[in-house]
Protein backbone atom coordinates (compact mmCIF):
# COMPACT_ATOMS: atom_id res chain seq x y z
CA UNK A 1 72.57 113.10 122.17
CA UNK A 2 75.15 110.33 122.54
CA UNK A 3 78.25 110.76 124.69
CA UNK A 4 80.41 110.96 121.55
CA UNK A 5 77.95 113.48 120.14
CA UNK A 6 78.39 115.66 123.23
CA UNK A 7 82.18 115.47 122.83
CA UNK A 8 81.91 116.33 119.15
CA UNK A 9 79.60 119.25 119.91
CA UNK A 10 81.95 120.70 122.53
CA UNK A 11 84.82 120.62 120.06
CA UNK A 12 82.82 122.06 117.17
CA UNK A 13 81.45 124.93 119.25
CA UNK A 14 84.93 126.05 120.26
CA UNK A 15 84.90 124.68 123.80
CA UNK A 16 87.32 121.74 123.61
CA UNK A 17 88.31 122.11 127.28
CA UNK A 18 84.75 121.05 128.17
CA UNK A 19 85.52 117.48 127.09
CA UNK A 20 87.34 116.98 130.41
CA UNK A 21 84.02 117.13 132.24
CA UNK A 22 82.13 114.93 129.78
CA UNK A 23 81.98 111.14 130.23
CA UNK A 24 84.08 108.97 127.95
CA UNK A 25 81.85 106.59 126.01
CA UNK A 26 82.16 102.83 126.39
CA UNK A 27 82.59 102.26 122.66
CA UNK A 28 83.44 104.02 119.41
CA UNK A 29 83.62 103.35 115.68
CA UNK A 30 86.97 102.27 114.31
CA UNK A 31 88.29 100.98 111.00
CA UNK A 32 89.35 97.39 111.54
CA UNK A 33 90.71 94.26 109.96
CA UNK A 34 89.61 90.90 111.35
CA UNK A 35 91.88 88.03 112.35
CA UNK A 36 89.50 85.45 110.91
CA UNK A 37 89.81 87.02 107.45
CA UNK A 38 93.59 86.97 106.97
CA UNK A 39 93.28 84.33 104.25
CA UNK A 40 90.61 86.12 102.25
CA UNK A 41 92.99 87.17 99.45
CA UNK A 42 94.90 83.90 99.21
CA UNK A 43 96.07 83.20 95.66
CA UNK A 44 95.65 86.77 94.45
CA UNK A 45 98.45 89.06 93.27
CA UNK A 46 99.04 92.08 95.51
CA UNK A 47 97.57 94.52 93.01
CA UNK A 48 94.34 92.49 92.85
CA UNK A 49 93.69 92.59 96.60
CA UNK A 50 90.91 95.04 97.46
CA UNK A 51 91.07 96.94 100.79
CA UNK A 52 87.33 97.65 100.53
CA UNK A 53 86.70 93.98 101.29
CA UNK A 54 88.97 93.73 104.34
CA UNK A 55 88.55 97.12 106.04
CA UNK A 56 85.45 97.32 108.23
CA UNK A 57 83.93 100.08 110.34
CA UNK A 58 83.07 98.41 113.64
CA UNK A 59 81.80 99.53 117.04
CA UNK A 60 84.59 98.56 119.44
CA UNK A 61 85.18 99.05 123.19
CA UNK A 62 87.22 102.02 124.39
CA UNK A 63 90.49 100.56 125.76
CA UNK A 64 91.47 101.07 129.38
CA UNK A 65 93.81 104.03 129.84
CA UNK A 66 97.26 103.16 131.22
CA UNK A 67 100.05 105.23 132.76
CA UNK A 68 101.72 107.64 130.34
CA UNK A 69 98.91 107.32 127.83
CA UNK A 70 96.15 109.51 126.41
CA UNK A 71 92.74 108.97 124.84
CA UNK A 72 92.14 111.33 121.92
CA UNK A 73 88.86 112.26 120.24
CA UNK A 74 89.86 111.90 116.60
CA UNK A 75 88.57 114.60 114.29
CA UNK A 76 90.46 113.40 111.20
CA UNK A 77 93.05 110.89 110.06
CA UNK A 78 94.81 109.91 106.83
CA UNK A 79 95.86 106.92 104.75
CA UNK A 80 99.45 105.69 104.74
CA UNK A 81 100.88 102.75 102.86
CA UNK A 82 101.11 100.77 106.08
CA UNK A 83 97.29 100.75 106.20
CA UNK A 84 97.32 99.34 102.68
CA UNK A 85 99.73 96.62 103.79
CA UNK A 86 97.53 95.88 106.80
CA UNK A 87 94.42 95.67 104.63
CA UNK A 88 95.94 93.15 102.19
CA UNK A 89 97.71 91.21 104.97
CA UNK A 90 101.18 91.75 103.52
CA UNK A 91 104.02 91.14 104.08
CA UNK A 92 102.52 89.37 107.11
CA UNK A 93 99.20 89.82 108.91
CA UNK A 94 99.52 92.55 111.53
CA UNK A 95 97.93 90.24 114.11
CA UNK A 96 101.40 88.70 114.48
CA UNK A 97 102.66 92.12 115.60
CA UNK A 98 99.80 92.46 118.08
CA UNK A 99 100.37 88.99 119.48
CA UNK A 100 104.07 89.65 120.00
CA UNK A 101 103.37 93.02 121.62
CA UNK A 102 100.76 91.45 123.86
CA UNK A 103 103.39 89.19 125.43
CA UNK A 104 105.45 92.17 126.60
CA UNK A 105 103.38 93.15 129.64
CA UNK A 106 99.87 93.04 131.11
CA UNK A 107 99.34 96.57 129.76
CA UNK A 108 100.44 95.58 126.26
CA UNK A 109 98.12 92.56 126.39
CA UNK A 110 95.23 94.94 125.63
CA UNK A 111 96.48 95.20 122.03
CA UNK A 112 96.27 91.46 121.29
CA UNK A 113 92.70 91.25 120.00
CA UNK A 114 90.89 89.44 117.15
CA UNK A 115 90.41 92.82 115.48
CA UNK A 116 92.93 95.55 114.72
CA UNK A 117 91.93 99.23 114.72
CA UNK A 118 94.30 100.69 112.15
CA UNK A 119 95.70 104.10 111.20
CA UNK A 120 98.94 105.97 111.96
CA UNK A 121 97.82 109.62 111.71
CA UNK A 122 95.37 111.78 113.62
CA UNK A 123 94.34 115.26 114.57
CA UNK A 124 91.98 115.73 117.47
CA UNK A 125 91.43 116.69 121.08
CA UNK A 126 92.78 115.05 124.23
CA UNK A 127 89.96 113.41 126.19
CA UNK A 128 91.82 111.89 129.13
CA UNK A 129 95.40 111.36 130.24
CA UNK A 130 96.81 108.53 132.33
CA UNK A 131 98.92 108.65 135.46
CA UNK A 132 102.22 110.47 135.10
CA UNK A 133 101.20 112.66 132.14
CA UNK A 134 102.07 116.31 132.80
CA UNK A 135 102.48 118.06 129.45
CA UNK A 136 98.98 117.43 128.09
CA UNK A 137 95.47 117.86 129.46
CA UNK A 138 91.89 117.27 128.30
CA UNK A 139 90.91 119.84 125.69
CA UNK A 140 94.35 120.22 124.11
CA UNK A 141 94.18 120.23 120.30
CA UNK A 142 96.83 117.83 119.05
CA UNK A 143 98.27 115.76 116.27
CA UNK A 144 100.08 112.49 116.89
CA UNK A 145 103.23 110.99 115.45
CA UNK A 146 103.28 107.22 115.15
CA UNK A 147 106.38 106.16 117.13
CA UNK A 148 105.48 103.83 120.01
CA UNK A 149 108.40 103.03 122.33
CA UNK A 150 108.89 101.54 125.80
CA UNK A 151 112.39 102.95 126.56
CA UNK A 152 113.02 100.52 129.43
CA UNK A 153 116.35 99.45 127.95
CA UNK A 154 119.41 101.56 127.11
CA UNK A 155 119.37 101.19 123.33
CA UNK A 156 116.77 103.85 122.58
CA UNK A 157 118.09 106.62 124.78
CA UNK A 158 120.35 108.14 122.14
CA UNK A 159 117.83 107.73 119.33
CA UNK A 160 114.40 106.42 120.32
CA UNK A 161 114.03 104.74 116.94
CA UNK A 162 116.65 102.27 118.19
CA UNK A 163 114.57 101.20 121.19
CA UNK A 164 114.34 97.41 121.23
CA UNK A 165 110.56 97.73 121.63
CA UNK A 166 110.04 100.36 118.92
CA UNK A 167 106.75 99.97 117.06
CA UNK A 168 104.60 101.94 114.64
CA UNK A 169 101.31 102.92 116.27
CA UNK A 170 98.22 101.75 114.37
CA UNK A 171 100.30 99.24 112.39
CA UNK A 172 102.25 97.26 114.98
CA UNK A 173 99.95 98.35 117.82
CA UNK A 174 96.18 98.48 118.15
CA UNK A 175 93.75 101.40 118.70
CA UNK A 176 95.01 103.50 115.77
CA UNK A 177 93.89 106.79 114.31
CA UNK A 178 91.31 105.72 111.71
CA UNK A 179 88.62 105.88 114.35
CA UNK A 180 86.53 108.21 116.50
CA UNK A 181 88.78 107.63 119.54
CA UNK A 182 92.43 106.58 119.62
CA UNK A 183 94.83 105.43 122.32
CA UNK A 184 98.34 106.90 122.16
CA UNK A 185 101.30 107.33 124.43
CA UNK A 186 101.55 110.90 125.66
CA UNK A 187 104.99 111.22 124.08
CA UNK A 188 103.35 110.82 120.67
CA UNK A 189 101.43 114.08 121.01
CA UNK A 190 102.31 117.39 119.38
CA UNK A 191 100.41 120.69 119.06
CA UNK A 192 97.96 120.92 116.18
CA UNK A 193 99.05 123.66 113.73
CA UNK A 194 96.47 126.35 114.35
CA UNK A 195 96.09 127.57 110.76
CA UNK A 196 95.06 124.18 109.41
CA UNK A 197 91.75 122.34 109.27
CA UNK A 198 91.41 119.02 111.08
CA UNK A 199 91.94 117.00 107.90
CA UNK A 200 94.91 119.10 106.78
CA UNK A 201 96.56 118.83 110.19
CA UNK A 202 96.09 115.06 110.26
CA UNK A 203 97.67 114.40 106.88
CA UNK A 204 101.40 115.26 107.31
CA UNK A 205 102.23 113.22 110.44
CA UNK A 206 103.79 109.97 109.29
CA UNK A 207 105.12 111.03 105.89
CA UNK A 208 106.36 114.46 106.95
CA UNK A 209 108.34 113.07 109.88
CA UNK A 210 109.64 110.20 107.74
CA UNK A 211 110.85 112.57 105.02
CA UNK A 212 112.46 114.87 107.61
CA UNK A 213 114.55 112.10 109.15
CA UNK A 214 115.34 110.46 105.83
CA UNK A 215 116.52 113.60 104.09
CA UNK A 216 117.30 116.37 106.62
CA UNK A 217 118.31 114.69 109.88
CA UNK A 218 121.84 113.60 110.73
CA UNK A 219 120.31 110.16 111.20
CA UNK A 220 119.44 110.19 107.50
CA UNK A 221 121.09 111.80 104.49
CA UNK A 222 122.03 115.05 106.33
CA UNK A 223 121.17 117.12 103.25
CA UNK A 224 123.02 120.39 102.73
CA UNK A 225 122.58 123.40 100.46
CA UNK A 226 123.38 122.68 96.83
CA UNK A 227 122.91 118.92 97.05
CA UNK A 228 121.31 117.34 94.00
CA UNK A 229 118.52 115.14 95.39
CA UNK A 230 116.83 112.53 93.22
CA UNK A 231 113.30 111.99 94.56
CA UNK A 232 111.27 109.02 93.44
CA UNK A 233 107.51 109.53 93.49
CA UNK A 234 108.04 113.22 94.06
CA UNK A 235 104.34 114.14 94.03
CA UNK A 236 103.25 111.28 96.29
CA UNK A 237 102.52 111.16 100.00
CA UNK A 238 106.18 110.85 100.97
CA UNK A 239 107.94 112.38 97.99
CA UNK A 240 105.91 115.58 98.12
CA UNK A 241 107.45 116.36 101.53
CA UNK A 242 110.93 115.41 100.33
CA UNK A 243 110.48 117.85 97.44
CA UNK A 244 109.50 120.62 99.86
CA UNK A 245 112.43 119.89 102.19
CA UNK A 246 114.89 119.91 99.28
CA UNK A 247 113.59 123.25 98.05
CA UNK A 248 113.46 124.79 101.54
CA UNK A 249 116.95 123.56 102.36
CA UNK A 250 118.63 125.02 99.29
CA UNK A 251 119.05 121.67 97.56
CA UNK A 252 118.26 120.89 93.92
CA UNK A 253 115.47 118.32 93.61
CA UNK A 254 115.24 116.09 90.57
CA UNK A 255 111.64 114.90 90.74
CA UNK A 256 110.70 111.53 89.26
CA UNK A 257 106.99 111.18 88.52
CA UNK A 258 104.75 108.99 86.38
CA UNK A 259 102.45 111.42 84.55
CA UNK A 260 102.22 114.99 83.26
CA UNK A 261 99.68 115.76 85.98
CA UNK A 262 102.15 114.73 88.68
CA UNK A 263 104.88 116.74 86.97
CA UNK A 264 102.60 119.79 87.10
CA UNK A 265 102.19 119.38 90.86
CA UNK A 266 105.96 119.32 91.37
CA UNK A 267 106.28 122.50 89.32
CA UNK A 268 103.58 124.07 91.49
CA UNK A 269 105.74 123.26 94.53
CA UNK A 270 108.64 125.08 92.87
CA UNK A 271 110.65 122.20 91.39
CA UNK A 272 112.13 122.71 87.94
CA UNK A 273 113.97 119.46 87.13
CA UNK A 274 111.43 116.73 86.44
CA UNK A 275 111.58 113.27 84.87
CA UNK A 276 108.31 111.70 83.70
CA UNK A 277 109.03 107.96 83.85
CA UNK A 278 106.07 107.11 81.65
CA UNK A 279 107.03 109.55 78.94
CA UNK A 280 110.64 108.35 78.98
CA UNK A 281 109.56 104.70 78.98
CA UNK A 282 112.17 103.42 81.43
CA UNK A 283 112.11 99.65 81.94
CA UNK A 284 114.71 98.80 84.55
CA UNK A 285 113.85 95.08 84.48
CA UNK A 286 114.13 92.88 81.40
CA UNK A 287 112.30 90.11 83.20
CA UNK A 288 111.33 89.09 86.74
CA UNK A 289 114.93 88.07 87.42
CA UNK A 290 117.13 90.31 85.26
CA UNK A 291 117.66 94.06 85.30
CA UNK A 292 118.79 96.19 82.36
CA UNK A 293 121.96 98.23 83.09
CA UNK A 294 121.52 100.08 79.79
CA UNK A 295 118.33 101.57 81.18
CA UNK A 296 120.22 102.63 84.32
CA UNK A 297 122.69 104.38 82.04
CA UNK A 298 119.93 106.06 80.04
CA UNK A 299 118.33 107.21 83.28
CA UNK A 300 121.63 108.57 84.59
CA UNK A 301 122.19 110.44 81.35
CA UNK A 302 118.77 112.08 81.67
CA UNK A 303 119.61 113.25 85.19
CA UNK A 304 122.90 114.77 84.00
CA UNK A 305 121.09 116.42 81.10
CA UNK A 306 118.82 118.19 83.57
CA UNK A 307 121.49 119.10 86.15
CA UNK A 308 124.19 120.28 83.79
CA UNK A 309 126.29 117.17 84.16
CA UNK A 310 125.91 116.43 87.87
CA UNK A 311 124.88 113.11 89.41
CA UNK A 312 122.70 113.02 92.56
CA UNK A 313 124.40 113.56 95.89
CA UNK A 314 121.37 111.91 97.52
CA UNK A 315 118.81 109.45 96.19
CA UNK A 316 115.55 109.51 98.15
CA UNK A 317 114.46 105.88 97.81
CA UNK A 318 111.17 104.24 98.74
CA UNK A 319 109.80 102.26 95.75
CA UNK A 320 112.34 99.49 96.47
CA UNK A 321 112.80 96.53 94.18
CA UNK A 322 111.69 98.21 90.96
CA UNK A 323 114.05 101.17 91.23
CA UNK A 324 116.82 100.27 93.64
CA UNK A 325 119.33 99.06 91.05
CA UNK A 326 118.91 102.31 89.14
CA UNK A 327 119.25 104.31 92.36
CA UNK A 328 122.56 102.74 93.31
CA UNK A 329 123.87 103.30 89.80
CA UNK A 330 122.66 106.91 89.55
CA UNK A 331 124.10 108.25 92.82
CA UNK A 332 127.33 110.20 92.41
CA UNK A 333 130.68 108.87 93.55
CA UNK A 334 130.59 109.11 97.35
CA UNK A 335 126.85 109.71 97.21
CA UNK A 336 124.10 108.42 99.47
CA UNK A 337 121.07 106.23 98.79
CA UNK A 338 118.68 106.61 101.72
CA UNK A 339 115.78 104.17 101.81
CA UNK A 340 112.71 104.00 104.02
CA UNK A 341 110.34 101.61 102.28
CA UNK A 342 109.81 99.10 99.49
CA UNK A 343 106.38 99.64 98.03
CA UNK A 344 107.26 97.69 94.85
CA UNK A 345 108.99 94.81 96.67
CA UNK A 346 111.38 94.15 99.55
CA UNK A 347 114.06 92.04 97.85
CA UNK A 348 116.36 94.65 96.34
CA UNK A 349 119.01 93.81 93.75
CA UNK A 350 121.82 96.07 92.61
CA UNK A 351 125.27 95.82 91.10
CA UNK A 352 127.60 96.12 94.08
CA UNK A 353 130.51 97.28 91.91
CA UNK A 354 128.83 100.67 91.58
CA UNK A 355 128.49 100.83 95.35
CA UNK A 356 131.86 99.66 96.64
CA UNK A 357 134.13 100.98 93.88
CA UNK A 358 132.49 104.40 93.97
CA UNK A 359 132.34 104.65 97.75
CA UNK A 360 128.60 105.12 97.89
CA UNK A 361 126.51 104.55 101.02
CA UNK A 362 123.12 102.98 101.61
CA UNK A 363 121.33 104.28 104.71
CA UNK A 364 118.23 102.66 106.14
CA UNK A 365 115.75 105.16 107.56
CA UNK A 366 112.53 104.30 109.41
CA UNK A 367 109.99 106.91 110.53
CA UNK A 368 111.50 109.40 113.04
CA UNK A 369 112.15 109.92 116.73
CA UNK A 370 110.08 112.32 118.84
CA UNK A 371 112.53 115.19 118.40
CA UNK A 372 112.60 114.81 114.61
CA UNK A 373 108.81 114.51 114.50
CA UNK A 374 108.46 117.62 116.66
CA UNK A 375 110.80 119.60 114.38
CA UNK A 376 108.89 118.43 111.29
CA UNK A 377 105.57 119.43 112.88
CA UNK A 378 107.05 122.79 113.94
CA UNK A 379 107.86 123.54 110.31
CA UNK A 380 104.25 122.77 109.39
CA UNK A 381 103.03 125.07 112.18
CA UNK A 382 105.28 127.89 110.96
CA UNK A 383 104.00 127.59 107.40
CA UNK A 384 107.40 126.59 106.02
CA UNK A 385 106.23 123.11 105.00
CA UNK A 386 102.64 122.53 103.90
CA UNK A 387 100.13 119.67 103.87
CA UNK A 388 99.77 117.83 100.57
CA UNK A 389 96.16 116.75 101.04
CA UNK A 390 94.38 116.10 97.75
CA UNK A 391 91.15 114.36 98.73
CA UNK A 392 89.18 113.45 101.85
CA UNK A 393 86.76 110.59 102.52
CA UNK A 394 84.34 109.93 105.38
CA UNK A 395 85.25 107.17 107.84
CA UNK A 396 82.75 104.83 106.20
CA UNK A 397 84.68 105.00 102.91
CA UNK A 398 88.15 104.30 104.31
CA UNK A 399 88.34 101.17 102.17
CA UNK A 400 88.02 103.27 99.01
CA UNK A 401 90.61 105.72 100.32
CA UNK A 402 93.04 102.84 100.91
CA UNK A 403 92.30 101.46 97.44
CA UNK A 404 93.23 104.82 95.92
CA UNK A 405 96.63 104.64 97.61
CA UNK A 406 97.06 100.94 96.81
CA UNK A 407 96.55 101.62 93.10
CA UNK A 408 98.48 104.90 93.10
CA UNK A 409 95.32 106.66 91.93
CA UNK A 410 96.03 109.63 94.19
CA UNK A 411 98.33 112.58 94.67
CA UNK A 412 99.92 113.65 97.92
CA UNK A 413 97.88 112.43 100.91
CA UNK A 414 94.35 111.08 101.16
CA UNK A 415 92.50 112.18 104.29
CA UNK A 416 89.69 110.59 106.30
CA UNK A 417 87.16 112.46 108.46
CA UNK A 418 86.30 110.89 111.81
CA UNK A 419 84.39 113.12 114.28
CA UNK A 420 84.72 116.14 112.01
CA UNK A 421 81.35 116.19 110.18
CA UNK A 422 82.73 118.02 107.15
CA UNK A 423 85.90 119.50 105.71
CA UNK A 424 87.13 122.98 106.53
CA UNK A 425 86.69 122.96 110.32
CA UNK A 426 89.22 123.50 113.10
CA UNK A 427 91.09 126.59 111.86
CA UNK A 428 92.13 128.82 114.79
CA UNK A 429 94.37 131.34 113.00
CA UNK A 430 92.69 132.64 109.84
CA UNK A 431 95.29 135.38 109.30
CA UNK A 432 98.17 132.90 109.11
CA UNK A 433 96.10 130.59 106.93
CA UNK A 434 95.41 133.35 104.42
CA UNK A 435 99.16 133.84 103.90
CA UNK A 436 99.64 130.20 102.91
CA UNK A 437 96.33 129.27 101.33
CA UNK A 438 97.66 128.63 97.82
CA UNK A 439 100.39 126.34 99.16
CA UNK A 440 97.95 124.52 101.46
CA UNK A 441 95.65 123.87 98.51
CA UNK A 442 98.38 122.93 96.03
CA UNK A 443 97.25 119.30 95.85
CA UNK A 444 93.51 119.85 96.15
CA UNK A 445 91.54 118.18 93.38
CA UNK A 446 94.67 116.62 91.90
């Protein structure tokens, strides 16, 4: 049996603490992109770029463990849109991030390699910890959030997201979670929710924390009871958590989706006010350069029809260019547009008269700090927020999983198994799981 096989066996037989006495292998399999292939999609439109061609499963060396760090045996991971961006080398190849990070210190130099092990989610078991790590030990079952910070300067000590050396692990750093072993900083670790399988526990990390900060935190929209919250892509990886937070927090979600099937998922979560963009036929752009304010008005009228005449207090934005003009228009006077991404394009255009004359605010929100991530994970562990996993692939088919997300041919989150040989493993509290099984499986098979 290989060294990784021995580690896997110890975990699967319910003896994770035994991994501390087992040797760490010299290499592992990781999903990578290659620096010498960054031009492979040149001349193609974004939608025509195929992650299956650029994402490889390679045997790579285990990185040296530094102070404050941990090596984790990865049981499962998940796909986020940043892995799609990495795989199609947009908006820039991630090797530029790794090169910049590598200049920071001799320790950071490890990340500047001709290959990039990707992935910003994981669930697994701590294998080893570096010097100065006190809160975690080999054998601990964990999930990881994706905030990588140095905190050597003052800027990040009020909100670690403001650290001058803030990066997203597995996107702007190497040795990410789509692999059999991952390297993280110890302050990325959180307890694995004990009622979830490995793949379920791995799936919330990035999107759950992002939605928490964007919608609930004082650093984001600071949602309160009764707020009308317009949620774009409400059944997707990010929007499905925003929908849950709105419902849990006493707000009124207005869920924007693109098919009857996605509308059905939102209803299953408990949402009642739903707009099917495809059925309504909204076309916010007349051409590549001109938007259609009449469509904004028609969209706003539909929202008021559903809410009994109220405009959104908060617009949960992430599509970006395609929807941003409509979002600024639709928010109520004094309302908030909070944005965390731009999956349809980064160059946003909107009519500023609707912003300045109606005293609206645009808030930029990016991932979450450790405290926010911990709170978001705590809600998962308590069964108050649930995973939105719809499908799981083996590590070898990560390219297909990323293609699903790239083409929006998915619901909720798409998972990836690493050392877990099959789905359904890793549950430690069956009684708690039984109470929430319908909610946990809400997106399955969607």
